[in-house]
Each structure stands twice: as structure tokens, then as C-alpha cells.
Amino acid sequence: MELYLHAPSNYVIQNVKISLHCRQTAASELDLICVVTTLSSLTIAGGAAAFSKFENWSYFDSVYYCFITLTTIGFGDMVALQKDNALNRKPEYVMFALIFILFGLAIVAASLNLLVLRFVTMNTEDERRDEAQAIQVIIF
């Protein structure tokens, strides 16, 4: 996987590893997956806290809403900004919702992209190993 595509995360991971005096300071795929998954979880948790407050939903319902929204499943059973004419009366909440969705979509998409790429590379490595073993069996 080309890790330079995730340069900001690489930079942060390398500096953290240097400050912790780790032997290996280069960012690995697993490091990137952990960072982006943590960011996704924090985004969902933070968004859920805000939506719980603004929409008077339970925290669990807010987590559900954030997850469904950011993974673009979007069942439509819960919709933000529908109560008390919020679009006209609460511009700060509208801005929060828009920024949350855009920022959250980017983070969750990056997380899912890294996970899918990892599974694809694992599958490719397994296929290459199986092919090499089959060739060895044919030769001997």
C-alpha cells in the first residue's frame, strides 16, 4: 500500500514514535488503520454527544444516527434538523451538522478504504503464496 497518500497521519505517527523512543519510527499499515479507526470512533462519539443534546435523542440513538449517516447507509428513520424549525432558528447547529457530516464522511471513508485495501493485500499475498506452493509441487 502506498503510505505517502496518508502523509499527515504518517507525520504524526512518526513523531509520536520518535518521542516514545521506538526503534521502528516508520508508520505501518496497522498504525494508519489504528489512527484512522480511532479518529472515526471519536468523530462518531463526539457527534453523538452533540446530536443527543441538540435533538434530545438518547446517546445510543445518536450513535446509531452518526454511524448510519457517516457510512452513507442512510435509512431515513432518524433525520437531524427537523425539530423546532432548526434550519431557520439555529444556524450554529446547521453549520455544526454540515461540518460534522463532511468531516465525518472523509474520516470514515479513509478508515474503510484502509481496511478494504488491507484485506485485498492480505488476499493477494495468500494467493501468491498458494501459487508458489503449487508451482513447487509441480516441479518436485
Protein backbone atom coordinates (compact mmCIF):
# COMPACT_ATOMS: atom_id res chain seq x y z
CA MET A 1 0.00 0.00 0.00
CA GLU A 2 1.27 3.45 -0.78
CA LEU A 3 1.57 5.10 2.61
CA TYR A 4 2.51 8.52 1.21
CA LEU A 5 -1.17 9.07 0.43
CA HIS A 6 -1.72 9.48 4.15
CA ALA A 7 1.09 11.98 4.75
CA PRO A 8 -0.46 13.89 7.69
CA SER A 9 -1.13 10.67 9.60
CA ASN A 10 2.35 9.38 8.69
CA TYR A 11 3.92 12.55 10.05
CA VAL A 12 2.00 12.39 13.33
CA ILE A 13 2.69 8.66 13.80
CA GLN A 14 6.42 9.11 13.13
CA ASN A 15 6.70 11.99 15.61
CA VAL A 16 4.82 10.06 18.29
CA LYS A 17 7.06 7.04 17.75
CA ILE A 18 10.17 9.23 17.92
CA SER A 19 9.00 10.87 21.15
CA LEU A 20 8.31 7.41 22.63
CA HIS A 21 11.82 6.31 21.56
CA CYS A 22 10.54 3.42 19.45
CA ARG A 23 13.07 1.55 17.34
CA GLN A 24 10.85 1.46 14.28
CA THR A 25 9.65 5.01 13.55
CA ALA A 26 8.11 4.48 10.12
CA ALA A 27 4.33 4.35 10.01
CA SER A 28 2.98 0.92 9.11
CA GLU A 29 -0.38 -0.02 7.64
CA LEU A 30 -1.53 -1.19 11.05
CA ASP A 31 -0.54 2.15 12.60
CA LEU A 32 -2.55 4.04 10.00
CA ILE A 33 -5.55 1.75 10.43
CA CYS A 34 -5.44 2.23 14.21
CA VAL A 35 -5.19 6.02 13.94
CA VAL A 36 -7.97 6.39 11.40
CA THR A 37 -10.24 3.93 13.23
CA THR A 38 -9.66 5.84 16.47
CA LEU A 39 -10.48 9.11 14.70
CA SER A 40 -13.65 7.54 13.27
CA SER A 41 -14.72 6.35 16.71
CA LEU A 42 -14.02 9.75 18.27
CA THR A 43 -15.92 11.50 15.49
CA ILE A 44 -18.95 9.27 15.99
CA ALA A 45 -18.78 9.63 19.78
CA GLY A 46 -18.42 13.42 19.62
CA GLY A 47 -21.14 13.79 17.03
CA ALA A 48 -23.42 11.54 19.06
CA ALA A 49 -22.93 13.72 22.14
CA ALA A 50 -23.83 16.85 20.17
CA PHE A 51 -26.84 15.31 18.41
CA SER A 52 -28.04 13.88 21.70
CA LYS A 53 -28.03 17.39 23.15
CA PHE A 54 -29.47 19.25 20.14
CA GLU A 55 -32.08 16.69 19.07
CA ASN A 56 -32.97 15.34 22.55
CA TRP A 57 -32.18 11.81 21.38
CA SER A 58 -30.72 9.15 23.62
CA TYR A 59 -26.97 8.75 23.28
CA PHE A 60 -27.46 5.30 21.74
CA ASP A 61 -29.86 6.71 19.12
CA SER A 62 -27.35 9.45 18.37
CA VAL A 63 -24.53 6.93 17.90
CA TYR A 64 -26.82 4.97 15.58
CA TYR A 65 -27.65 8.14 13.62
CA CYS A 66 -23.96 9.11 13.30
CA PHE A 67 -22.91 5.63 12.19
CA ILE A 68 -25.74 5.30 9.65
CA THR A 69 -25.07 8.80 8.32
CA LEU A 70 -21.28 8.55 8.06
CA THR A 71 -21.29 5.12 6.46
CA THR A 72 -23.81 6.52 3.93
CA ILE A 73 -26.36 3.82 4.67
CA GLY A 74 -28.96 6.47 5.49
CA PHE A 75 -32.17 4.61 6.28
CA GLY A 76 -34.01 7.90 6.85
CA ASP A 77 -35.61 6.75 10.09
CA MET A 78 -33.77 9.49 12.01
CA VAL A 79 -33.18 12.89 10.45
CA ALA A 80 -31.43 15.79 12.13
CA LEU A 81 -32.54 19.43 11.85
CA GLN A 82 -36.25 18.58 11.67
CA LYS A 83 -37.43 19.81 15.07
CA ASP A 84 -38.47 23.34 16.02
CA ASN A 85 -37.68 24.84 12.62
CA ALA A 86 -33.96 24.31 13.35
CA LEU A 87 -32.89 25.24 9.82
CA ASN A 88 -34.06 28.83 10.39
CA ARG A 89 -33.64 29.25 14.14
CA LYS A 90 -30.33 27.52 14.86
CA PRO A 91 -27.73 28.47 12.23
CA GLU A 92 -24.87 27.34 14.50
CA TYR A 93 -26.42 23.88 14.74
CA VAL A 94 -26.88 23.75 10.96
CA MET A 95 -23.20 24.65 10.48
CA PHE A 96 -22.17 22.03 13.02
CA ALA A 97 -24.26 19.37 11.26
CA LEU A 98 -22.79 20.23 7.85
CA ILE A 99 -19.20 20.30 9.10
CA PHE A 100 -19.73 17.09 11.09
CA ILE A 101 -21.11 15.25 8.07
CA LEU A 102 -18.37 16.44 5.69
CA PHE A 103 -15.52 15.87 8.15
CA GLY A 104 -17.00 12.59 9.36
CA LEU A 105 -17.55 11.26 5.84
CA ALA A 106 -13.91 11.93 5.00
CA ILE A 107 -12.62 10.17 8.11
CA VAL A 108 -14.92 7.16 7.88
CA ALA A 109 -14.24 6.80 4.15
CA ALA A 110 -10.48 6.86 4.81
CA SER A 111 -10.89 4.25 7.54
CA LEU A 112 -12.98 1.94 5.38
CA ASN A 113 -10.59 2.47 2.45
CA LEU A 114 -7.59 1.42 4.56
CA LEU A 115 -9.43 -1.64 5.87
CA VAL A 116 -10.50 -2.74 2.40
CA LEU A 117 -7.00 -2.22 0.99
CA ARG A 118 -5.55 -4.26 3.85
CA PHE A 119 -7.94 -7.14 3.19
CA VAL A 120 -7.20 -7.00 -0.54
CA THR A 121 -3.43 -7.09 0.04
CA MET A 122 -3.83 -9.96 2.52
CA ASN A 123 -5.87 -11.88 -0.06
CA THR A 124 -3.31 -11.17 -2.79
CA GLU A 125 -0.44 -12.31 -0.55
CA ASP A 126 -2.33 -15.54 0.24
CA GLU A 127 -2.97 -16.17 -3.46
CA ARG A 128 0.72 -15.62 -4.32
CA ARG A 129 1.82 -17.98 -1.55
CA ASP A 130 -0.65 -20.64 -2.71
CA GLU A 131 0.52 -20.22 -6.30
CA ALA A 132 4.18 -20.55 -5.27
CA GLN A 133 3.38 -23.71 -3.31
CA ALA A 134 1.50 -25.17 -6.29
CA ILE A 135 4.46 -24.47 -8.58
CA GLN A 136 6.83 -26.15 -6.12
CA VAL A 137 4.59 -29.24 -6.00
CA ILE A 138 4.52 -29.41 -9.82
CA ILE A 139 8.32 -29.02 -10.08
CA PHE A 140 9.09 -31.70 -7.47
